[in-house]
Amino acid sequence: MKIYANQLDNHLKSRGLSPVILVSGDEPLQMAECCDAIRAHARGLGYLGREVLHVESRFNWDELMEEANALSLFAEQRILELRLPNAKPGIQGAKALQAYCEAPAPDTILLITMAKLESAASKSKWYKSIDSAGLVVPIWPIERAQLPRWIEQRMRRVGLQPEGDVAAMLAERVEGNLLAASQEIEKLHLLFGQGGVNADQLLASVTDSARYDVFGLVDAASLGDATRVVKMLDGLRGEGEEPVLILWALTREVRTLLSIAYEGRQSGVNDALLGRHRIWDKRKQAVRAALQRHPYPRWVQMLEQCAQIDRMIKGQAAGNAWDELTSLAMRIAGISLPRSVLR
């Protein structure tokens, strides 16, 4: 039987544990939380023992049945965890899994974890045997458009009440990293306790973790605050930040502004257009200022500059990446630096 991660808790409460459970996916937070939920439910039912088998290159699949049979000699109920680094058990592994599913060990829950399954795997005999004997929980990444809602639900679960664009702001900051989002939510809960959380509190929490950050740099450049751009770049460089991260943030901003400038050539830049590009309220001033400062062709040129800096970082083009990052950020801010200033 296949269910999804958000259905697991209700399934365990209503239908209990299955003798064989497969959890597969590439998103570490959801994987860990699903496995934790299964273990917690099992402990509540008296499954107090736990054994872990790591499937490595020379793993002997006979160990699976040997371990299962050894566990059955004891009265204690246990969880047997089988951890695969990928989603391909191989010929011997497939046979072993099929054999186990045909006669699961008594007083044992077999919890299998592996990477994301390819579509062809669902047609294999070993997968079908697990699906028939137990439970399959595929883990899917949270799509970018769904992330703000996921964050808001998680915040409310711990008693936080996000106001306005708080969830969207945090979603943009973590860029799909659910573990980072979870940690930020925990930090907000520790700092402010239960209750409302506004944009200023979120930004205060963010800036507490780093004196200079790439998101602040992007905002300073878009607002045209050249002095702050220089200070933040110096701070990021002094703190040992990698140029590739700064380039990523600036490139994302340039791409977004290029798209908005292109779409706004006919009807202008309005709230509806900014909304389609997920520009939250607190950033609208910066985005509008940058768009008023530069026409569409100039954003195209800046995107080309981003590509050139990328080649420098990768060693495929001559030049100093930090100098060019300074040039790009200052250019966004509306100031063109002479080459002599950068040397």
Protein backbone atom coordinates (compact mmCIF):
# COMPACT_ATOMS: atom_id res chain seq x y z
CA MET A 1 0.00 0.00 0.00
CA LYS A 2 1.32 3.42 -0.89
CA ILE A 3 0.67 6.57 1.12
CA TYR A 4 2.33 9.99 1.19
CA ALA A 5 4.33 11.58 3.97
CA ASN A 6 1.54 13.94 5.04
CA GLN A 7 -0.79 10.93 5.47
CA LEU A 8 1.58 8.85 7.60
CA ASP A 9 0.54 10.04 11.08
CA ASN A 10 -3.16 9.46 10.44
CA HIS A 11 -2.43 6.09 8.85
CA LEU A 12 -0.41 4.92 11.86
CA LYS A 13 -3.14 6.04 14.27
CA SER A 14 -5.99 4.46 12.33
CA ARG A 15 -4.42 1.35 10.82
CA GLY A 16 -1.29 0.75 12.85
CA LEU A 17 2.08 -0.60 11.74
CA SER A 18 2.79 -2.84 8.79
CA PRO A 19 5.39 -5.65 9.03
CA VAL A 20 7.40 -4.06 6.19
CA ILE A 21 7.69 -0.32 5.57
CA LEU A 22 9.66 1.32 2.77
CA VAL A 23 10.49 5.05 2.99
CA SER A 24 12.21 6.42 -0.12
CA GLY A 25 13.25 9.88 -1.25
CA ASP A 26 16.01 12.47 -1.42
CA GLU A 27 14.66 15.10 0.99
CA PRO A 28 16.47 14.49 4.32
CA LEU A 29 14.13 16.31 6.73
CA GLN A 30 10.96 14.56 5.58
CA MET A 31 12.79 11.22 5.43
CA ALA A 32 14.04 11.63 9.00
CA GLU A 33 10.68 12.78 10.35
CA CYS A 34 8.77 9.92 8.72
CA CYS A 35 11.21 7.36 10.14
CA ASP A 36 11.05 9.04 13.56
CA ALA A 37 7.24 8.85 13.48
CA ILE A 38 7.36 5.14 12.63
CA ARG A 39 9.90 4.42 15.39
CA ALA A 40 7.91 6.42 17.96
CA HIS A 41 4.69 4.59 17.09
CA ALA A 42 6.49 1.26 17.27
CA ARG A 43 7.96 2.07 20.69
CA GLY A 44 4.50 2.90 21.93
CA LEU A 45 3.41 -0.59 20.92
CA GLY A 46 6.31 -2.26 22.71
CA TYR A 47 8.87 -2.53 19.90
CA LEU A 48 11.80 -1.56 22.11
CA GLY A 49 14.67 -3.31 20.33
CA ARG A 50 16.41 -1.90 17.28
CA GLU A 51 18.98 -3.30 14.86
CA VAL A 52 20.42 -1.49 11.84
CA LEU A 53 21.89 -3.03 8.67
CA HIS A 54 23.81 -0.79 6.28
CA VAL A 55 23.80 -2.06 2.69
CA GLU A 56 27.24 -1.32 1.28
CA SER A 57 29.09 -2.52 -1.81
CA ARG A 58 29.96 -5.95 -0.38
CA PHE A 59 26.87 -6.42 1.74
CA ASN A 60 25.83 -10.05 2.17
CA TRP A 61 22.07 -10.16 1.73
CA ASP A 62 21.91 -13.41 3.70
CA GLU A 63 22.40 -11.18 6.74
CA LEU A 64 18.86 -9.88 6.34
CA MET A 65 17.25 -13.29 6.91
CA GLU A 66 19.84 -14.27 9.51
CA GLU A 67 19.19 -11.12 11.51
CA ALA A 68 15.43 -11.51 11.15
CA ASN A 69 15.56 -15.14 12.33
CA ALA A 70 17.88 -14.21 15.21
CA LEU A 71 15.47 -11.54 16.37
CA SER A 72 12.58 -13.97 16.32
CA LEU A 73 14.33 -16.14 18.93
CA PHE A 74 13.73 -13.44 21.53
CA ALA A 75 10.42 -12.39 23.03
CA GLU A 76 11.27 -8.69 22.62
CA GLN A 77 9.59 -6.90 19.75
CA ARG A 78 12.08 -4.99 17.61
CA ILE A 79 12.59 -2.77 14.59
CA LEU A 80 15.02 -4.02 11.96
CA GLU A 81 16.26 -1.14 9.83
CA LEU A 82 17.71 -1.76 6.39
CA ARG A 83 19.46 1.30 4.95
CA LEU A 84 20.33 1.43 1.24
CA PRO A 85 22.44 4.31 -0.16
CA ASN A 86 20.51 4.18 -3.45
CA ALA A 87 17.28 2.74 -4.80
CA LYS A 88 18.81 -0.33 -6.47
CA PRO A 89 19.06 -3.42 -4.27
CA GLY A 90 20.58 -5.44 -7.10
CA ILE A 91 19.75 -9.00 -8.08
CA GLN A 92 20.59 -10.59 -4.73
CA GLY A 93 18.91 -7.79 -2.82
CA ALA A 94 15.74 -8.05 -4.87
CA LYS A 95 15.55 -11.80 -4.18
CA ALA A 96 16.17 -11.28 -0.48
CA LEU A 97 13.48 -8.61 -0.18
CA GLN A 98 10.95 -10.77 -2.03
CA ALA A 99 11.73 -13.75 0.19
CA TYR A 100 11.40 -11.68 3.35
CA CYS A 101 8.07 -10.16 2.29
CA GLU A 102 6.66 -13.62 1.61
CA ALA A 103 7.28 -14.56 5.25
CA PRO A 104 7.98 -11.51 7.43
CA ALA A 105 9.70 -12.24 10.73
CA PRO A 106 7.34 -12.28 13.74
CA ASP A 107 7.56 -9.52 16.35
CA THR A 108 9.61 -7.48 13.85
CA ILE A 109 9.04 -4.33 11.84
CA LEU A 110 11.34 -4.12 8.83
CA LEU A 111 11.95 -0.44 8.07
CA ILE A 112 13.69 0.04 4.71
CA THR A 113 15.10 3.44 3.72
CA MET A 114 16.53 4.27 0.32
CA ALA A 115 16.97 7.08 -2.18
CA LYS A 116 14.20 8.26 -4.51
CA LEU A 117 12.75 5.44 -6.56
CA GLU A 118 12.74 5.67 -10.34
CA SER A 119 9.46 5.00 -12.08
CA ALA A 120 10.73 1.66 -13.41
CA ALA A 121 11.28 0.41 -9.86
CA SER A 122 7.53 0.40 -9.18
CA LYS A 123 7.19 -2.35 -11.76
CA SER A 124 9.85 -4.58 -10.20
CA LYS A 125 8.96 -7.74 -8.29
CA TRP A 126 10.77 -6.66 -5.13
CA TYR A 127 8.84 -3.37 -5.00
CA LYS A 128 5.52 -5.09 -5.62
CA SER A 129 6.27 -7.58 -2.85
CA ILE A 130 6.83 -4.73 -0.37
CA ASP A 131 3.73 -2.91 -1.60
CA SER A 132 1.70 -6.08 -1.11
CA ALA A 133 3.12 -7.06 2.29
CA GLY A 134 3.37 -3.64 3.86
CA LEU A 135 3.60 0.08 3.33
CA VAL A 136 5.44 2.31 0.84
CA VAL A 137 6.01 5.97 1.72
CA PRO A 138 7.54 7.96 -1.17
CA ILE A 139 9.01 11.32 -0.15
CA TRP A 140 8.55 14.14 -2.64
CA PRO A 141 10.31 17.51 -2.40
CA ILE A 142 8.16 20.50 -1.52
CA GLU A 143 7.68 22.58 -4.66
CA ARG A 144 8.72 26.22 -4.49
CA ALA A 145 5.14 27.42 -4.87
CA GLN A 146 4.03 25.16 -2.01
CA LEU A 147 6.87 26.03 0.37
CA PRO A 148 5.30 29.16 1.97
CA ARG A 149 2.22 27.15 2.89
CA TRP A 150 4.38 24.32 4.28
CA ILE A 151 6.33 26.85 6.37
CA GLU A 152 3.15 28.54 7.63
CA GLN A 153 1.66 25.19 8.69
CA ARG A 154 4.87 24.26 10.48
CA MET A 155 5.01 27.61 12.26
CA ARG A 156 1.42 27.31 13.45
CA ARG A 157 2.14 23.80 14.69
CA VAL A 158 4.55 25.23 17.29
CA GLY A 159 2.27 28.13 18.20
CA LEU A 160 3.71 30.82 15.93
CA GLN A 161 1.26 33.02 14.02
CA PRO A 162 3.02 34.37 10.90
CA GLU A 163 1.77 37.75 9.76
CA GLY A 164 1.65 39.07 6.19
CA ASP A 165 4.51 37.82 4.04
CA VAL A 166 6.53 36.17 6.82
CA ALA A 167 6.15 32.64 5.43
CA ALA A 168 7.00 33.80 1.89
CA MET A 169 10.03 35.72 3.15
CA LEU A 170 11.36 32.68 4.99
CA ALA A 171 10.67 30.47 1.96
CA GLU A 172 12.77 32.76 -0.20
CA ARG A 173 15.59 32.76 2.31
CA VAL A 174 15.88 28.97 2.66
CA GLU A 175 15.43 28.35 -1.09
CA GLY A 176 13.87 24.89 -0.76
CA ASN A 177 16.05 23.68 2.12
CA LEU A 178 13.46 22.25 4.51
CA LEU A 179 16.01 21.54 7.22
CA ALA A 180 17.11 25.18 7.18
CA ALA A 181 13.47 26.27 7.30
CA SER A 182 12.82 24.02 10.29
CA GLN A 183 15.85 25.42 12.11
CA GLU A 184 14.76 29.01 11.43
CA ILE A 185 11.29 28.24 12.78
CA GLU A 186 12.81 26.73 15.93
CA LYS A 187 14.93 29.84 16.37
CA LEU A 188 11.89 32.12 15.98
CA HIS A 189 10.06 30.09 18.59
CA LEU A 190 12.97 30.37 21.00
CA LEU A 191 13.36 34.12 20.44
CA PHE A 192 9.74 35.22 20.48
CA GLY A 193 7.74 32.35 21.97
CA GLN A 194 4.20 31.64 20.86
CA GLY A 195 2.12 34.29 19.13
CA GLY A 196 2.41 36.61 16.17
CA VAL A 197 5.61 36.93 14.14
CA ASN A 198 6.00 39.89 11.79
CA ALA A 199 8.47 40.67 9.01
CA ASP A 200 10.69 42.81 11.23
CA GLN A 201 11.03 40.01 13.78
CA LEU A 202 11.92 37.54 11.04
CA LEU A 203 14.57 39.85 9.61
CA ALA A 204 15.94 40.49 13.11
CA SER A 205 16.25 36.75 13.62
CA VAL A 206 18.00 36.39 10.28
CA THR A 207 20.47 39.21 10.87
CA ASP A 208 21.27 37.84 14.33
CA SER A 209 22.72 34.74 12.67
CA ALA A 210 25.16 36.64 10.45
CA ARG A 211 26.38 40.23 10.58
CA TYR A 212 26.42 40.39 6.80
CA ASP A 213 24.35 38.20 4.54
CA VAL A 214 23.83 37.89 0.82
CA PHE A 215 20.14 38.75 1.03
CA GLY A 216 20.95 42.06 2.66
CA LEU A 217 23.50 42.71 -0.08
CA VAL A 218 20.88 42.11 -2.77
CA ASP A 219 18.43 44.50 -1.11
CA ALA A 220 21.11 47.17 -0.67
CA ALA A 221 22.05 46.92 -4.35
CA SER A 222 18.44 47.05 -5.53
CA LEU A 223 17.71 50.06 -3.30
CA GLY A 224 20.75 51.87 -4.73
CA ASP A 225 22.56 52.05 -1.37
CA ALA A 226 26.11 51.95 -2.77
CA THR A 227 27.81 52.65 0.56
CA ARG A 228 26.09 49.69 2.20
CA VAL A 229 26.88 47.50 -0.82
CA VAL A 230 30.61 48.13 -0.36
CA LYS A 231 30.46 47.53 3.39
CA MET A 232 28.51 44.30 3.01
CA LEU A 233 30.79 42.95 0.30
CA ASP A 234 33.82 43.73 2.47
CA GLY A 235 32.11 42.01 5.40
CA LEU A 236 31.19 38.91 3.39
CA ARG A 237 34.70 38.65 2.01
CA GLY A 238 36.22 39.11 5.47
CA GLU A 239 34.00 36.37 6.87
CA GLY A 240 35.26 33.95 4.22
CA GLU A 241 32.04 33.74 2.23
CA GLU A 242 32.37 31.92 -1.09
CA PRO A 243 32.01 34.12 -4.23
CA VAL A 244 29.74 31.50 -5.80
CA LEU A 245 27.05 32.09 -3.12
CA ILE A 246 27.13 35.86 -3.67
CA LEU A 247 26.95 35.35 -7.43
CA TRP A 248 23.98 33.01 -6.98
CA ALA A 249 22.05 35.67 -5.02
CA LEU A 250 22.87 38.51 -7.42
CA THR A 251 22.13 36.38 -10.48
CA ARG A 252 18.76 35.36 -9.11
CA GLU A 253 17.90 39.02 -8.51
CA VAL A 254 19.06 40.04 -11.99
CA ARG A 255 17.03 37.24 -13.62
CA THR A 256 13.92 38.20 -11.67
CA LEU A 257 14.25 41.88 -12.48
CA LEU A 258 14.96 41.11 -16.13
CA SER A 259 11.76 39.06 -16.37
CA ILE A 260 9.68 41.74 -14.65
CA ALA A 261 11.21 44.48 -16.83
CA TYR A 262 10.42 42.46 -19.96
CA GLU A 263 6.81 41.75 -18.99
CA GLY A 264 6.26 45.31 -17.80
CA ARG A 265 7.34 46.99 -21.03
CA GLN A 266 3.75 47.24 -22.27
CA SER A 267 1.53 47.62 -19.19
CA GLY A 268 4.12 48.82 -16.68
CA VAL A 269 5.16 47.31 -13.37
CA ASN A 270 2.14 46.86 -11.11
CA ASP A 271 1.34 44.86 -7.99
CA ALA A 272 -0.20 42.03 -10.02
CA LEU A 273 3.02 41.60 -12.00
CA LEU A 274 5.14 41.69 -8.85
CA GLY A 275 2.80 39.17 -7.25
CA ARG A 276 3.25 36.73 -10.13
CA HIS A 277 6.98 36.86 -9.50
CA ARG A 278 6.47 36.30 -5.75
CA ILE A 279 7.81 39.71 -4.70
CA TRP A 280 6.62 40.09 -1.10
CA ASP A 281 5.54 43.47 0.20
CA LYS A 282 8.70 44.31 2.11
CA ARG A 283 10.78 43.93 -1.10
CA LYS A 284 8.54 45.85 -3.47
CA GLN A 285 10.25 49.17 -2.76
CA ALA A 286 13.68 47.74 -3.61
CA VAL A 287 12.42 46.01 -6.75
CA ARG A 288 10.59 49.10 -8.01
CA ALA A 289 13.65 51.27 -7.35
CA ALA A 290 15.90 48.93 -9.32
CA LEU A 291 13.47 48.71 -12.23
CA GLN A 292 13.17 52.49 -12.41
CA ARG A 293 16.95 52.76 -12.43
CA HIS A 294 17.62 50.37 -15.32
CA PRO A 295 15.76 49.60 -18.57
CA TYR A 296 15.31 46.06 -19.85
CA PRO A 297 18.45 45.99 -22.14
CA ARG A 298 20.69 46.84 -19.20
CA TRP A 299 19.39 43.87 -17.22
CA VAL A 300 20.30 41.68 -20.20
CA GLN A 301 23.84 43.07 -20.05
CA MET A 302 24.04 42.43 -16.31
CA LEU A 303 22.93 38.83 -16.81
CA GLU A 304 25.75 38.43 -19.33
CA GLN A 305 28.11 39.84 -16.70
CA CYS A 306 26.85 37.19 -14.26
CA ALA A 307 27.78 34.50 -16.77
CA GLN A 308 31.25 35.99 -17.15
CA ILE A 309 31.78 36.00 -13.36
CA ASP A 310 30.64 32.39 -13.23
CA ARG A 311 33.36 31.47 -15.74
CA MET A 312 35.93 33.35 -13.62
CA ILE A 313 34.94 31.45 -10.49
CA LYS A 314 35.25 28.16 -12.38
CA GLY A 315 38.67 29.14 -13.74
CA GLN A 316 37.39 29.27 -17.32
CA ALA A 317 38.03 32.99 -17.77
CA ALA A 318 40.67 35.44 -16.60
CA GLY A 319 39.85 38.07 -14.00
CA ASN A 320 39.22 38.66 -10.31
CA ALA A 321 35.81 37.34 -9.28
CA TRP A 322 35.56 39.60 -6.22
CA ASP A 323 36.30 42.69 -8.32
CA GLU A 324 33.64 41.70 -10.81
CA LEU A 325 31.12 40.95 -8.07
CA THR A 326 31.73 44.44 -6.71
CA SER A 327 31.27 45.86 -10.20
CA LEU A 328 28.01 43.94 -10.68
CA ALA A 329 26.53 44.88 -7.31
CA MET A 330 27.46 48.54 -7.75
CA ARG A 331 26.04 48.47 -11.27
CA ILE A 332 22.72 47.22 -9.91
CA ALA A 333 22.90 50.08 -7.40
CA GLY A 334 23.32 52.51 -10.30
CA ILE A 335 27.07 53.17 -10.17
CA SER A 336 29.51 52.12 -12.87
CA LEU A 337 33.03 51.66 -11.53
CA PRO A 338 36.04 52.47 -13.70
CA ARG A 339 38.39 49.55 -14.16
CA SER A 340 41.12 51.38 -12.26
CA VAL A 341 38.99 51.47 -9.14
CA LEU A 342 38.67 47.69 -9.13
CA ARG A 343 42.38 46.98 -9.34
